[in-house]
């Protein structure tokens, strides 16, 4: 997710993390098959649009989300 182009819709392919982190991301609405939009980056955080919500996640967490 770190290298996804800003403003482009991408699909989550896989989350590479331990179960606790996967569950946390699922609770936020981020899991395989979901479409996201990277809105912008600020202060080391990535702002995403997930369905109708905006979320901020840190760069380390974003690196665990594989998209296409």
N, C-alpha and C. Protein backbone atom coordinates (compact mmCIF):
# COMPACT_ATOMS: atom_id res chain seq x y z
N UNK A 1 0.82 -1.20 0.00
CA UNK A 1 0.00 0.00 0.00
C UNK A 1 0.86 1.26 0.00
N UNK A 2 2.08 1.15 0.53
CA UNK A 2 2.95 2.32 0.60
C UNK A 2 3.24 2.94 -0.76
N UNK A 3 3.28 2.12 -1.80
CA UNK A 3 3.65 2.65 -3.12
C UNK A 3 2.45 2.83 -4.04
N UNK A 4 1.24 2.69 -3.50
CA UNK A 4 0.05 2.90 -4.31
C UNK A 4 -0.03 4.37 -4.71
N UNK A 5 -0.47 4.64 -5.93
CA UNK A 5 -0.58 6.04 -6.37
C UNK A 5 -1.70 6.77 -5.62
N UNK A 6 -1.43 7.99 -5.28
CA UNK A 6 -2.40 8.80 -4.57
C UNK A 6 -3.64 9.03 -5.43
N UNK A 7 -4.82 8.83 -4.85
CA UNK A 7 -6.08 9.07 -5.54
C UNK A 7 -6.58 7.91 -6.37
N UNK A 8 -5.81 6.84 -6.49
CA UNK A 8 -6.21 5.70 -7.31
C UNK A 8 -6.86 4.62 -6.43
N UNK A 9 -7.90 4.00 -6.96
CA UNK A 9 -8.56 2.91 -6.25
C UNK A 9 -7.74 1.64 -6.43
N UNK A 10 -7.45 0.96 -5.31
CA UNK A 10 -6.71 -0.29 -5.33
C UNK A 10 -7.49 -1.34 -4.55
N UNK A 11 -7.22 -2.59 -4.86
CA UNK A 11 -7.89 -3.70 -4.20
C UNK A 11 -6.92 -4.40 -3.26
N UNK A 12 -7.37 -4.69 -2.04
CA UNK A 12 -6.54 -5.41 -1.09
C UNK A 12 -6.45 -6.87 -1.53
N UNK A 13 -5.23 -7.34 -1.72
CA UNK A 13 -4.99 -8.72 -2.14
C UNK A 13 -4.71 -9.61 -0.94
N UNK A 14 -3.88 -9.11 -0.02
CA UNK A 14 -3.47 -9.92 1.12
C UNK A 14 -2.96 -9.01 2.22
N UNK A 15 -3.16 -9.45 3.46
CA UNK A 15 -2.58 -8.76 4.61
C UNK A 15 -1.55 -9.70 5.22
N UNK A 16 -0.30 -9.25 5.25
CA UNK A 16 0.80 -10.06 5.76
C UNK A 16 1.13 -9.56 7.16
N UNK A 17 0.49 -10.19 8.14
CA UNK A 17 0.68 -9.77 9.53
C UNK A 17 0.22 -10.88 10.45
N UNK A 18 0.54 -10.72 11.72
CA UNK A 18 0.08 -11.70 12.71
C UNK A 18 -1.43 -11.54 12.89
N UNK A 19 -2.05 -12.56 13.45
CA UNK A 19 -3.51 -12.59 13.56
C UNK A 19 -4.09 -11.38 14.28
N UNK A 20 -3.43 -10.90 15.31
CA UNK A 20 -3.92 -9.76 16.07
C UNK A 20 -4.03 -8.51 15.17
N UNK A 21 -3.02 -8.30 14.35
CA UNK A 21 -3.03 -7.14 13.45
C UNK A 21 -4.06 -7.34 12.34
N UNK A 22 -4.16 -8.56 11.80
CA UNK A 22 -5.17 -8.84 10.78
C UNK A 22 -6.56 -8.55 11.31
N UNK A 23 -6.83 -8.97 12.54
CA UNK A 23 -8.14 -8.75 13.15
C UNK A 23 -8.40 -7.26 13.32
N UNK A 24 -7.39 -6.52 13.74
CA UNK A 24 -7.52 -5.07 13.90
C UNK A 24 -7.88 -4.42 12.56
N UNK A 25 -7.17 -4.81 11.51
CA UNK A 25 -7.45 -4.25 10.19
C UNK A 25 -8.84 -4.65 9.70
N UNK A 26 -9.25 -5.88 9.96
CA UNK A 26 -10.60 -6.32 9.59
C UNK A 26 -11.64 -5.45 10.29
N UNK A 27 -11.42 -5.13 11.56
CA UNK A 27 -12.34 -4.27 12.29
C UNK A 27 -12.41 -2.87 11.70
N UNK A 28 -11.33 -2.44 11.07
CA UNK A 28 -11.31 -1.15 10.39
C UNK A 28 -11.90 -1.22 8.98
N UNK A 29 -12.21 -2.44 8.52
CA UNK A 29 -12.78 -2.62 7.18
C UNK A 29 -11.75 -2.93 6.12
N UNK A 30 -10.53 -3.28 6.53
CA UNK A 30 -9.46 -3.57 5.58
C UNK A 30 -9.17 -5.07 5.60
N UNK A 31 -9.52 -5.75 4.52
CA UNK A 31 -9.30 -7.18 4.38
C UNK A 31 -9.30 -7.51 2.89
N UNK A 32 -8.81 -8.70 2.50
CA UNK A 32 -8.75 -9.05 1.08
C UNK A 32 -10.10 -8.90 0.39
N UNK A 33 -10.04 -8.28 -0.80
CA UNK A 33 -11.25 -8.08 -1.60
C UNK A 33 -11.82 -6.67 -1.48
N UNK A 34 -11.40 -5.91 -0.49
CA UNK A 34 -11.92 -4.56 -0.27
C UNK A 34 -11.14 -3.57 -1.14
N UNK A 35 -11.85 -2.56 -1.64
CA UNK A 35 -11.21 -1.50 -2.42
C UNK A 35 -10.91 -0.31 -1.51
N UNK A 36 -9.72 0.28 -1.69
CA UNK A 36 -9.27 1.42 -0.91
C UNK A 36 -8.82 2.52 -1.86
N UNK A 37 -8.81 3.74 -1.35
CA UNK A 37 -8.21 4.86 -2.08
C UNK A 37 -7.22 5.53 -1.14
N UNK A 38 -5.98 5.65 -1.58
CA UNK A 38 -4.98 6.38 -0.81
C UNK A 38 -5.23 7.86 -1.09
N UNK A 39 -5.71 8.59 -0.09
CA UNK A 39 -6.03 10.00 -0.28
C UNK A 39 -4.79 10.88 -0.22
N UNK A 40 -4.00 10.73 0.83
CA UNK A 40 -2.74 11.47 0.94
C UNK A 40 -1.93 10.96 2.11
N UNK A 41 -0.69 11.42 2.19
CA UNK A 41 0.21 11.07 3.29
C UNK A 41 0.53 12.34 4.06
N UNK A 42 0.59 12.20 5.37
CA UNK A 42 0.93 13.35 6.21
C UNK A 42 1.62 12.88 7.48
N UNK A 43 2.75 13.46 7.77
CA UNK A 43 3.46 13.16 9.00
C UNK A 43 3.74 11.69 9.24
N UNK A 44 4.02 10.94 8.19
CA UNK A 44 4.30 9.51 8.33
C UNK A 44 3.06 8.64 8.38
N UNK A 45 1.89 9.25 8.33
CA UNK A 45 0.63 8.49 8.30
C UNK A 45 0.03 8.52 6.91
N UNK A 46 -0.73 7.48 6.61
CA UNK A 46 -1.39 7.38 5.32
C UNK A 46 -2.90 7.50 5.57
N UNK A 47 -3.53 8.40 4.85
CA UNK A 47 -4.97 8.60 4.99
C UNK A 47 -5.65 7.84 3.84
N UNK A 48 -6.55 6.95 4.22
CA UNK A 48 -7.24 6.09 3.25
C UNK A 48 -8.73 6.35 3.27
N UNK A 49 -9.36 6.09 2.14
CA UNK A 49 -10.81 6.02 2.10
C UNK A 49 -11.16 4.54 1.97
N UNK A 50 -11.88 4.04 2.95
CA UNK A 50 -12.32 2.65 2.98
C UNK A 50 -13.84 2.68 3.03
N UNK A 51 -14.46 2.23 1.96
CA UNK A 51 -15.91 2.33 1.80
C UNK A 51 -16.30 3.80 1.97
N UNK A 52 -17.08 4.17 2.97
CA UNK A 52 -17.48 5.57 3.14
C UNK A 52 -16.73 6.25 4.29
N UNK A 53 -15.67 5.62 4.79
CA UNK A 53 -14.93 6.17 5.93
C UNK A 53 -13.52 6.58 5.52
N UNK A 54 -12.96 7.48 6.30
CA UNK A 54 -11.55 7.85 6.15
C UNK A 54 -10.81 7.31 7.36
N UNK A 55 -9.65 6.71 7.10
CA UNK A 55 -8.83 6.13 8.16
C UNK A 55 -7.41 6.63 8.02
N UNK A 56 -6.73 6.74 9.15
CA UNK A 56 -5.30 7.04 9.15
C UNK A 56 -4.57 5.84 9.72
N UNK A 57 -3.59 5.34 8.98
CA UNK A 57 -2.75 4.25 9.48
C UNK A 57 -1.30 4.67 9.30
N UNK A 58 -0.42 4.10 10.12
CA UNK A 58 0.99 4.46 9.99
C UNK A 58 1.64 3.67 8.85
N UNK A 59 2.80 4.14 8.45
CA UNK A 59 3.51 3.55 7.30
C UNK A 59 3.85 2.08 7.53
N UNK A 60 4.22 1.71 8.78
CA UNK A 60 4.57 0.33 9.08
C UNK A 60 3.37 -0.60 8.87
N UNK A 61 2.20 -0.15 9.28
CA UNK A 61 0.99 -0.95 9.09
C UNK A 61 0.63 -1.03 7.61
N UNK A 62 0.81 0.07 6.90
CA UNK A 62 0.51 0.09 5.47
C UNK A 62 1.39 -0.89 4.69
N UNK A 63 2.62 -1.09 5.16
CA UNK A 63 3.53 -2.01 4.47
C UNK A 63 3.04 -3.46 4.55
N UNK A 64 2.15 -3.77 5.46
CA UNK A 64 1.63 -5.12 5.63
C UNK A 64 0.43 -5.42 4.73
N UNK A 65 -0.04 -4.40 4.01
CA UNK A 65 -1.22 -4.53 3.15
C UNK A 65 -0.78 -4.57 1.70
N UNK A 66 -0.99 -5.71 1.05
CA UNK A 66 -0.64 -5.86 -0.37
C UNK A 66 -1.86 -5.53 -1.22
N UNK A 67 -1.65 -4.67 -2.22
CA UNK A 67 -2.74 -4.25 -3.10
C UNK A 67 -2.32 -4.39 -4.56
N UNK A 68 -3.30 -4.32 -5.45
CA UNK A 68 -2.98 -4.26 -6.88
C UNK A 68 -3.73 -3.14 -7.53
